[in-house]
């Protein structure tokens, strides 16, 4: 496994339930803004223990060929909202990373 793939998986592991990230967004967060395809290749081998379903395309489309319907069902079960055209509502549930995460303890 490459160092880049390990970084991708470490970030995927942090995506909270009910939230999603885009491939390109992950690449930018990892300091490689033009590496969205590399993120996609890493995700093809994503360990099953990670929430792989939470990584989608920038427009909210779900990639995954034969797994598309499974991914959608998993996201729906987590409460991820969808637009009428079947895309994830990115405005409602896109996660902006651990540095920008709103903690439940914020303000305590």
C-alpha atoms as a PDB file:
ATOM      1  CA  UNK A   1       0.000   0.000   0.000  1.00  0.00           C
ATOM      2  CA  UNK A   2       1.363   3.417  -0.928  1.00  0.00           C
ATOM      3  CA  UNK A   3       1.860   6.264   1.513  1.00  0.00           C
ATOM      4  CA  UNK A   4      -0.767   8.259  -0.373  1.00  0.00           C
ATOM      5  CA  UNK A   5      -3.310   5.448  -0.034  1.00  0.00           C
ATOM      6  CA  UNK A   6      -2.613   5.248   3.690  1.00  0.00           C
ATOM      7  CA  UNK A   7      -3.276   8.999   3.966  1.00  0.00           C
ATOM      8  CA  UNK A   8      -6.537   8.596   2.029  1.00  0.00           C
ATOM      9  CA  UNK A   9      -7.658   5.775   4.328  1.00  0.00           C
ATOM     10  CA  UNK A  10      -6.753   7.758   7.445  1.00  0.00           C
ATOM     11  CA  UNK A  11      -8.965  10.603   6.225  1.00  0.00           C
ATOM     12  CA  UNK A  12     -11.817   8.273   5.207  1.00  0.00           C
ATOM     13  CA  UNK A  13     -11.756   6.767   8.705  1.00  0.00           C
ATOM     14  CA  UNK A  14     -12.544  10.209  10.161  1.00  0.00           C
ATOM     15  CA  UNK A  15     -15.609  11.031   8.032  1.00  0.00           C
ATOM     16  CA  UNK A  16     -18.540  11.115  10.479  1.00  0.00           C
ATOM     17  CA  UNK A  17     -21.713   9.135   9.950  1.00  0.00           C
ATOM     18  CA  UNK A  18     -24.219  11.074   7.868  1.00  0.00           C
ATOM     19  CA  UNK A  19     -21.503  13.144   6.167  1.00  0.00           C
ATOM     20  CA  UNK A  20     -19.611  12.770   2.880  1.00  0.00           C
ATOM     21  CA  UNK A  21     -16.470  14.025   1.155  1.00  0.00           C
ATOM     22  CA  UNK A  22     -15.624  14.381  -2.534  1.00  0.00           C
ATOM     23  CA  UNK A  23     -12.613  12.732  -4.180  1.00  0.00           C
ATOM     24  CA  UNK A  24     -11.108  16.080  -5.229  1.00  0.00           C
ATOM     25  CA  UNK A  25     -11.754  17.588  -1.821  1.00  0.00           C
ATOM     26  CA  UNK A  26      -9.795  14.743  -0.233  1.00  0.00           C
ATOM     27  CA  UNK A  27      -6.926  15.267  -2.676  1.00  0.00           C
ATOM     28  CA  UNK A  28      -6.764  18.985  -1.796  1.00  0.00           C
ATOM     29  CA  UNK A  29      -6.797  18.206   1.932  1.00  0.00           C
ATOM     30  CA  UNK A  30      -3.896  15.819   1.422  1.00  0.00           C
ATOM     31  CA  UNK A  31      -1.867  18.528  -0.333  1.00  0.00           C
ATOM     32  CA  UNK A  32      -2.273  17.101  -3.854  1.00  0.00           C
ATOM     33  CA  UNK A  33      -5.039  19.227  -5.417  1.00  0.00           C
ATOM     34  CA  UNK A  34      -4.839  17.525  -8.828  1.00  0.00           C
ATOM     35  CA  UNK A  35      -4.907  13.962  -7.492  1.00  0.00           C
ATOM     36  CA  UNK A  36      -8.653  13.206  -7.369  1.00  0.00           C
ATOM     37  CA  UNK A  37      -8.095  10.187  -9.620  1.00  0.00           C
ATOM     38  CA  UNK A  38      -5.391   8.914  -7.287  1.00  0.00           C
ATOM     39  CA  UNK A  39      -7.911   9.131  -4.443  1.00  0.00           C
ATOM     40  CA  UNK A  40     -10.309   7.153  -6.643  1.00  0.00           C
ATOM     41  CA  UNK A  41      -7.695   4.466  -7.262  1.00  0.00           C
ATOM     42  CA  UNK A  42      -6.961   4.244  -3.545  1.00  0.00           C
ATOM     43  CA  UNK A  43     -10.685   3.932  -2.823  1.00  0.00           C
ATOM     44  CA  UNK A  44     -10.929   0.944  -5.182  1.00  0.00           C
ATOM     45  CA  UNK A  45      -8.863  -0.946  -2.604  1.00  0.00           C
ATOM     46  CA  UNK A  46     -10.326   0.663   0.502  1.00  0.00           C
ATOM     47  CA  UNK A  47     -10.454  -1.743   3.450  1.00  0.00           C
ATOM     48  CA  UNK A  48     -14.010  -2.887   4.204  1.00  0.00           C
ATOM     49  CA  UNK A  49     -13.736  -1.714   7.815  1.00  0.00           C
ATOM     50  CA  UNK A  50     -13.668   1.913   6.634  1.00  0.00           C
ATOM     51  CA  UNK A  51     -16.760   3.954   5.630  1.00  0.00           C
ATOM     52  CA  UNK A  52     -15.929   3.828   1.906  1.00  0.00           C
ATOM     53  CA  UNK A  53     -19.499   4.733   0.962  1.00  0.00           C
ATOM     54  CA  UNK A  54     -18.955   8.271   2.312  1.00  0.00           C
ATOM     55  CA  UNK A  55     -16.675   9.313  -0.568  1.00  0.00           C
ATOM     56  CA  UNK A  56     -18.634  10.637  -3.556  1.00  0.00           C
ATOM     57  CA  UNK A  57     -18.094  12.798  -6.620  1.00  0.00           C
ATOM     58  CA  UNK A  58     -17.982  16.592  -6.240  1.00  0.00           C
ATOM     59  CA  UNK A  59     -21.489  17.026  -7.659  1.00  0.00           C
ATOM     60  CA  UNK A  60     -22.888  14.433  -5.245  1.00  0.00           C
ATOM     61  CA  UNK A  61     -23.024  11.632  -7.793  1.00  0.00           C
ATOM     62  CA  UNK A  62     -22.280   8.183  -6.465  1.00  0.00           C
ATOM     63  CA  UNK A  63     -19.529   6.296  -8.260  1.00  0.00           C
ATOM     64  CA  UNK A  64     -19.081   2.592  -7.882  1.00  0.00           C
ATOM     65  CA  UNK A  65     -20.533   0.776 -10.853  1.00  0.00           C
ATOM     66  CA  UNK A  66     -22.289  -2.291  -9.508  1.00  0.00           C
ATOM     67  CA  UNK A  67     -22.037  -1.016  -5.938  1.00  0.00           C
ATOM     68  CA  UNK A  68     -23.869   2.256  -6.603  1.00  0.00           C
ATOM     69  CA  UNK A  69     -27.207   1.064  -5.202  1.00  0.00           C
ATOM     70  CA  UNK A  70     -25.539  -0.506  -2.157  1.00  0.00           C
ATOM     71  CA  UNK A  71     -23.678   2.742  -1.465  1.00  0.00           C
ATOM     72  CA  UNK A  72     -26.857   4.773  -1.789  1.00  0.00           C
ATOM     73  CA  UNK A  73     -28.703   2.444   0.607  1.00  0.00           C
ATOM     74  CA  UNK A  74     -25.840   2.677   3.126  1.00  0.00           C
ATOM     75  CA  UNK A  75     -25.815   6.484   2.915  1.00  0.00           C
ATOM     76  CA  UNK A  76     -29.603   6.688   3.223  1.00  0.00           C
ATOM     77  CA  UNK A  77     -29.423   4.472   6.327  1.00  0.00           C
ATOM     78  CA  UNK A  78     -26.988   7.013   7.820  1.00  0.00           C
ATOM     79  CA  UNK A  79     -29.393   9.867   7.119  1.00  0.00           C
ATOM     80  CA  UNK A  80     -27.516  11.391   4.179  1.00  0.00           C
ATOM     81  CA  UNK A  81     -29.988  13.559   2.225  1.00  0.00           C
ATOM     82  CA  UNK A  82     -30.420  13.159  -1.526  1.00  0.00           C
ATOM     83  CA  UNK A  83     -31.591  15.598  -4.182  1.00  0.00           C
ATOM     84  CA  UNK A  84     -34.573  14.707  -6.415  1.00  0.00           C
ATOM     85  CA  UNK A  85     -32.166  13.747  -9.231  1.00  0.00           C
ATOM     86  CA  UNK A  86     -30.485  11.086  -7.060  1.00  0.00           C
ATOM     87  CA  UNK A  87     -27.311  12.948  -6.125  1.00  0.00           C
ATOM     88  CA  UNK A  88     -26.173  13.458  -2.535  1.00  0.00           C
ATOM     89  CA  UNK A  89     -27.140  16.911  -1.243  1.00  0.00           C
ATOM     90  CA  UNK A  90     -23.565  18.118  -0.792  1.00  0.00           C
ATOM     91  CA  UNK A  91     -24.683  21.467   0.648  1.00  0.00           C
ATOM     92  CA  UNK A  92     -26.421  19.640   3.489  1.00  0.00           C
ATOM     93  CA  UNK A  93     -23.861  16.995   4.415  1.00  0.00           C
ATOM     94  CA  UNK A  94     -20.388  17.658   3.012  1.00  0.00           C
ATOM     95  CA  UNK A  95     -17.740  17.227   5.700  1.00  0.00           C
ATOM     96  CA  UNK A  96     -14.926  19.766   5.603  1.00  0.00           C
ATOM     97  CA  UNK A  97     -12.388  17.745   7.533  1.00  0.00           C
ATOM     98  CA  UNK A  98     -11.284  17.351  11.112  1.00  0.00           C
ATOM     99  CA  UNK A  99      -9.941  20.906  11.462  1.00  0.00           C
ATOM    100  CA  UNK A 100     -13.316  22.335  10.477  1.00  0.00           C
ATOM    101  CA  UNK A 101     -15.487  19.810  12.300  1.00  0.00           C
ATOM    102  CA  UNK A 102     -18.079  21.126  14.708  1.00  0.00           C
ATOM    103  CA  UNK A 103     -17.578  19.288  17.957  1.00  0.00           C
ATOM    104  CA  UNK A 104     -20.603  18.528  20.158  1.00  0.00           C
ATOM    105  CA  UNK A 105     -18.582  19.994  23.029  1.00  0.00           C
ATOM    106  CA  UNK A 106     -17.985  23.292  21.253  1.00  0.00           C
ATOM    107  CA  UNK A 107     -18.681  26.190  23.548  1.00  0.00           C
ATOM    108  CA  UNK A 108     -18.545  24.168  26.762  1.00  0.00           C
END
